[in-house]
Amino acid sequence: MMRLSEPAPAKLNLALHVRGKLPDGRHALETLFAFCTDGDIVHAEPADTLSLQISGPFAEGLEVEGNLVLRAAEALRGQTADTRGAALFLDKRLPVASGIGGGSADAAATLRLLTRMWRLDPARASEVAPDLGADVPACLLSMTARGEGAGDRLALITDPLISGRPVLLVNPMHGLSTASVFGAWDGIDRGPLEKWQQGRNDLQPAAVSLEPEIREVLDWLEGREGAELVRMSGSGTTCFALFATEEQSAAAAGQCPSKWWHMASLLR
């Protein structure tokens, strides 16, 4: 039986500026998306119906019903005139509710995967992606991009300071809901995103107020030799550090406290 596989790279917000509210009630953002070379993996095999099995280190507690992988498959199939199916398998390697786009990346990987399997026009995936979540269009590209609007209005970016950059992700093993973090945001517009290195994550103070261990993770990363940029990603709780060399990133990974999840990777 033919099995196809598609990576679902971890998403990072190298900077995330919250500028206010949009007319539809969502938050107006300016962000720079970057993607790691590692993340979850989605597999698919031909089948008469749609189904999903979830495995991997972070599979526990994830429900099949309503999962973004199945929702993405159903939405894409709704763009076709037939009822093709697929047996889907999600290898969940990234922490849940951690600000690195796990669910969105899984949905995007499913769209890419089934576009190949069902031999569809890739434009169909782009049409359904925005309805699955604000980060899904960026994850569908999985390329460095500036996001505006709710984060779904994208412009691709080429930056030699990003591509191939060693990065260490650390998560304190406590998740936060995006809604709760936005709810704790102080509502102050601190200005536009210009250079990402000089930017900020406007949700970081709100997330720290809800989960103080994030501050501990950030302080630990800032103390690693060679750490050149340390921030929280998205609405948390994953934090990251960019390094000049893979050796520095690997050395920091080896020092990470066992109570925290970590992943050394490279930016795509």
Protein backbone atom coordinates (compact mmCIF):
# COMPACT_ATOMS: atom_id res chain seq x y z
CA MET A 1 0.00 0.00 0.00
CA MET A 2 1.33 3.40 -1.01
CA ARG A 3 2.09 5.69 1.93
CA LEU A 4 2.95 9.34 1.50
CA SER A 5 4.48 11.51 4.21
CA GLU A 6 4.65 15.25 4.77
CA PRO A 7 6.53 17.22 7.45
CA ALA A 8 4.67 19.73 9.60
CA PRO A 9 7.51 22.10 10.56
CA ALA A 10 7.42 23.95 13.87
CA LYS A 11 6.49 27.60 13.41
CA LEU A 12 8.27 30.45 15.17
CA ASN A 13 7.27 34.08 15.47
CA LEU A 14 10.62 35.83 15.41
CA ALA A 15 8.68 38.98 16.29
CA LEU A 16 5.00 39.51 17.05
CA HIS A 17 3.50 42.99 17.34
CA VAL A 18 -0.15 43.32 18.33
CA ARG A 19 -1.46 46.57 16.84
CA GLY A 20 -5.12 46.51 17.89
CA LYS A 21 -8.36 44.96 16.70
CA LEU A 22 -9.70 44.23 13.22
CA PRO A 23 -13.33 44.96 12.22
CA ASP A 24 -14.15 41.24 12.55
CA GLY A 25 -12.97 41.20 16.18
CA ARG A 26 -9.68 39.41 15.59
CA HIS A 27 -6.42 41.05 16.63
CA ALA A 28 -4.40 43.06 14.11
CA LEU A 29 -0.88 41.62 13.98
CA GLU A 30 2.47 42.27 12.39
CA THR A 31 4.70 39.22 12.65
CA LEU A 32 7.64 37.49 11.06
CA PHE A 33 7.08 33.77 10.58
CA ALA A 34 10.01 31.38 10.37
CA PHE A 35 9.95 27.59 10.24
CA CYS A 36 12.19 24.89 11.64
CA THR A 37 13.43 21.86 9.74
CA ASP A 38 11.80 19.64 12.40
CA GLY A 39 8.28 19.16 13.70
CA ASP A 40 5.33 16.78 13.48
CA ILE A 41 4.82 14.39 10.56
CA VAL A 42 1.59 13.49 8.76
CA HIS A 43 1.29 10.24 6.78
CA ALA A 44 -1.52 9.17 4.45
CA GLU A 45 -2.58 6.01 2.67
CA PRO A 46 -5.36 5.64 0.07
CA ALA A 47 -8.69 4.61 1.59
CA ASP A 48 -12.41 4.73 0.87
CA THR A 49 -13.18 6.99 3.84
CA LEU A 50 -11.38 9.60 5.92
CA SER A 51 -9.84 8.40 9.19
CA LEU A 52 -7.12 9.50 11.60
CA GLN A 53 -4.80 7.78 14.03
CA ILE A 54 -2.56 9.79 16.38
CA SER A 55 0.71 8.57 17.86
CA GLY A 56 3.95 10.07 19.09
CA PRO A 57 5.31 11.67 22.28
CA PHE A 58 2.49 14.23 22.53
CA ALA A 59 -0.43 12.12 21.31
CA GLU A 60 -1.95 11.66 24.75
CA GLY A 61 -5.12 13.64 25.25
CA LEU A 62 -5.55 14.58 21.60
CA GLU A 63 -8.99 13.77 20.20
CA VAL A 64 -9.53 12.44 16.71
CA GLU A 65 -12.96 14.02 16.39
CA GLY A 66 -12.58 17.69 15.51
CA ASN A 67 -8.82 17.41 15.05
CA LEU A 68 -7.46 19.97 12.58
CA VAL A 69 -5.96 17.17 10.47
CA LEU A 70 -9.41 15.70 9.80
CA ARG A 71 -10.97 19.14 9.42
CA ALA A 72 -8.36 20.03 6.80
CA ALA A 73 -8.97 16.77 4.93
CA GLU A 74 -12.74 17.28 5.00
CA ALA A 75 -12.42 20.90 3.84
CA LEU A 76 -10.16 19.95 0.95
CA ARG A 77 -12.42 17.08 -0.09
CA GLY A 78 -15.30 19.54 -0.06
CA GLN A 79 -13.49 21.37 -2.87
CA THR A 80 -13.73 18.27 -5.11
CA ALA A 81 -16.64 16.61 -6.87
CA ASP A 82 -16.05 13.15 -5.43
CA THR A 83 -15.76 11.43 -2.05
CA ARG A 84 -12.16 10.27 -2.03
CA GLY A 85 -10.82 9.14 1.31
CA ALA A 86 -7.49 8.71 3.08
CA ALA A 87 -6.20 6.93 6.14
CA LEU A 88 -4.28 9.66 7.97
CA PHE A 89 -1.64 9.15 10.64
CA LEU A 90 -0.33 12.01 12.78
CA ASP A 91 3.05 11.58 14.48
CA LYS A 92 2.73 14.24 17.21
CA ARG A 93 6.24 15.30 18.20
CA LEU A 94 5.62 18.92 19.27
CA PRO A 95 3.99 20.02 22.54
CA VAL A 96 0.34 21.01 22.37
CA ALA A 97 -0.84 24.62 22.93
CA SER A 98 2.76 25.80 22.81
CA GLY A 99 2.87 28.73 20.38
CA ILE A 100 4.75 26.91 17.61
CA GLY A 101 1.80 26.21 15.34
CA GLY A 102 1.46 22.49 15.98
CA GLY A 103 -2.21 22.14 15.03
CA SER A 104 -1.97 24.69 12.23
CA ALA A 105 1.18 23.05 10.87
CA ASP A 106 -0.52 19.64 10.99
CA ALA A 107 -3.51 20.99 9.07
CA ALA A 108 -1.24 22.61 6.49
CA ALA A 109 0.79 19.42 6.06
CA THR A 110 -2.46 17.51 5.52
CA LEU A 111 -3.49 19.94 2.80
CA ARG A 112 -0.13 19.56 1.01
CA LEU A 113 -0.18 15.79 1.43
CA LEU A 114 -3.71 15.22 0.12
CA THR A 115 -3.17 17.68 -2.73
CA ARG A 116 -0.42 15.31 -3.88
CA MET A 117 -2.33 12.10 -3.18
CA TRP A 118 -5.54 13.27 -4.81
CA ARG A 119 -3.68 15.12 -7.60
CA LEU A 120 -5.45 18.40 -7.00
CA ASP A 121 -4.62 21.94 -8.02
CA PRO A 122 -2.58 23.41 -5.12
CA ALA A 123 -4.79 26.49 -5.31
CA ARG A 124 -7.56 24.45 -3.68
CA ALA A 125 -5.45 24.09 -0.52
CA SER A 126 -4.83 27.84 -0.45
CA GLU A 127 -8.58 28.45 -0.71
CA VAL A 128 -9.50 26.38 2.35
CA ALA A 129 -6.48 27.22 4.56
CA PRO A 130 -7.72 30.58 5.98
CA ASP A 131 -10.94 29.03 7.31
CA LEU A 132 -8.93 26.50 9.34
CA GLY A 133 -7.03 29.10 11.38
CA ALA A 134 -5.11 32.36 11.06
CA ASP A 135 -1.71 30.60 11.07
CA VAL A 136 -2.64 27.88 8.56
CA PRO A 137 -1.88 29.96 5.41
CA ALA A 138 1.64 30.71 6.74
CA CYS A 139 2.13 27.06 7.72
CA LEU A 140 0.94 26.00 4.26
CA LEU A 141 3.87 27.95 2.80
CA SER A 142 6.26 26.95 5.62
CA MET A 143 8.63 29.65 4.37
CA THR A 144 9.89 32.82 6.03
CA ALA A 145 7.17 35.44 5.62
CA ARG A 146 5.87 38.65 7.07
CA GLY A 147 2.28 38.32 8.25
CA GLU A 148 -0.19 41.15 8.65
CA GLY A 149 -3.95 41.39 9.22
CA ALA A 150 -4.68 38.48 11.55
CA GLY A 151 -1.36 37.02 10.44
CA ASP A 152 -2.90 35.58 7.29
CA ARG A 153 -1.90 38.35 4.85
CA LEU A 154 1.54 37.16 3.81
CA ALA A 155 4.62 38.44 2.00
CA LEU A 156 7.57 36.10 1.51
CA ILE A 157 10.89 37.29 2.94
CA THR A 158 14.44 36.37 1.97
CA ASP A 159 16.88 37.01 4.80
CA PRO A 160 20.33 35.37 4.97
CA LEU A 161 20.32 35.96 8.75
CA ILE A 162 17.40 33.52 9.06
CA SER A 163 17.91 30.73 6.54
CA GLY A 164 19.90 27.86 8.05
CA ARG A 165 20.16 29.56 11.45
CA PRO A 166 20.63 27.20 14.42
CA VAL A 167 17.80 27.47 16.94
CA LEU A 168 16.94 25.86 20.26
CA LEU A 169 13.30 25.57 21.31
CA VAL A 170 12.44 25.08 24.99
CA ASN A 171 8.99 24.52 26.49
CA PRO A 172 8.25 24.35 30.25
CA MET A 173 5.63 21.63 29.64
CA HIS A 174 2.71 23.87 30.54
CA GLY A 175 0.33 24.88 27.76
CA LEU A 176 -1.62 28.12 27.41
CA SER A 177 -4.69 28.80 25.31
CA THR A 178 -4.29 31.51 22.70
CA ALA A 179 -7.57 33.09 23.81
CA SER A 180 -6.44 33.41 27.43
CA VAL A 181 -3.16 35.07 26.45
CA PHE A 182 -4.83 37.56 24.11
CA GLY A 183 -7.33 38.20 26.89
CA ALA A 184 -4.47 39.14 29.22
CA TRP A 185 -2.79 41.44 26.66
CA ASP A 186 -2.74 45.03 27.97
CA GLY A 187 -4.18 46.48 24.74
CA ILE A 188 -1.32 48.93 24.17
CA ASP A 189 -0.08 49.44 20.61
CA ARG A 190 3.71 49.73 20.97
CA GLY A 191 4.36 50.44 17.31
CA PRO A 192 5.03 48.72 13.99
CA LEU A 193 7.36 45.87 13.17
CA GLU A 194 10.37 47.13 11.24
CA LYS A 195 13.53 45.08 11.86
CA TRP A 196 12.70 41.73 13.43
CA GLN A 197 15.94 41.67 15.45
CA GLN A 198 14.80 44.84 17.23
CA GLY A 199 11.20 43.72 17.49
CA ARG A 200 9.38 42.08 20.36
CA ASN A 201 6.59 39.68 21.24
CA ASP A 202 3.76 41.78 22.63
CA LEU A 203 2.09 38.66 24.05
CA GLN A 204 5.13 37.68 26.11
CA PRO A 205 4.26 39.75 29.24
CA ALA A 206 0.69 38.45 29.20
CA ALA A 207 1.85 34.85 28.86
CA VAL A 208 4.40 35.25 31.67
CA SER A 209 1.66 36.65 33.93
CA LEU A 210 -0.36 33.46 33.33
CA GLU A 211 2.59 31.04 33.41
CA PRO A 212 5.59 32.49 35.33
CA GLU A 213 7.84 29.56 34.40
CA ILE A 214 8.11 31.10 30.92
CA ARG A 215 10.28 33.80 32.49
CA GLU A 216 12.49 31.10 33.96
CA VAL A 217 12.91 29.53 30.52
CA LEU A 218 13.74 32.89 28.94
CA ASP A 219 16.31 33.69 31.63
CA TRP A 220 17.91 30.28 31.18
CA LEU A 221 18.15 30.70 27.40
CA GLU A 222 19.62 34.18 27.77
CA GLY A 223 22.38 32.66 29.90
CA ARG A 224 23.49 30.19 27.22
CA GLU A 225 26.79 30.89 25.48
CA GLY A 226 26.22 32.11 21.94
CA ALA A 227 22.50 32.89 22.35
CA GLU A 228 21.99 35.95 20.13
CA LEU A 229 18.21 36.41 20.21
CA VAL A 230 15.86 35.03 22.88
CA ARG A 231 12.07 35.35 22.70
CA MET A 232 8.82 33.55 23.27
CA SER A 233 7.00 32.31 20.16
CA GLY A 234 3.37 33.13 19.44
CA SER A 235 1.14 33.04 22.51
CA GLY A 236 3.56 30.73 24.33
CA THR A 237 4.68 28.73 26.08
CA THR A 238 7.60 27.73 23.84
CA CYS A 239 10.63 30.02 23.90
CA PHE A 240 13.58 29.99 21.53
CA ALA A 241 17.15 31.18 21.14
CA LEU A 242 18.96 31.79 17.87
CA PHE A 243 22.65 30.86 17.81
CA ALA A 244 25.55 31.62 15.52
CA THR A 245 26.68 27.98 15.28
CA GLU A 246 25.17 24.51 15.55
CA GLU A 247 27.84 23.63 18.12
CA GLN A 248 26.58 26.38 20.44
CA SER A 249 22.97 25.30 19.97
CA ALA A 250 23.84 21.65 20.62
CA ALA A 251 25.82 22.55 23.73
CA ALA A 252 22.86 24.52 25.10
CA ALA A 253 20.51 21.63 24.29
CA GLY A 254 22.73 19.32 26.29
CA GLN A 255 22.41 21.63 29.31
CA CYS A 256 18.61 21.91 29.19
CA PRO A 257 16.91 20.90 32.47
CA SER A 258 15.18 17.54 32.17
CA LYS A 259 11.88 19.01 33.38
CA TRP A 260 11.56 20.96 30.11
CA TRP A 261 11.02 19.80 26.54
CA HIS A 262 13.61 21.01 24.07
CA MET A 263 14.46 20.65 20.38
CA ALA A 264 17.59 21.81 18.58
CA SER A 265 16.87 22.53 14.94
CA LEU A 266 17.66 24.82 12.01
CA LEU A 267 15.51 27.47 10.40
CA ARG A 268 14.38 26.63 6.89
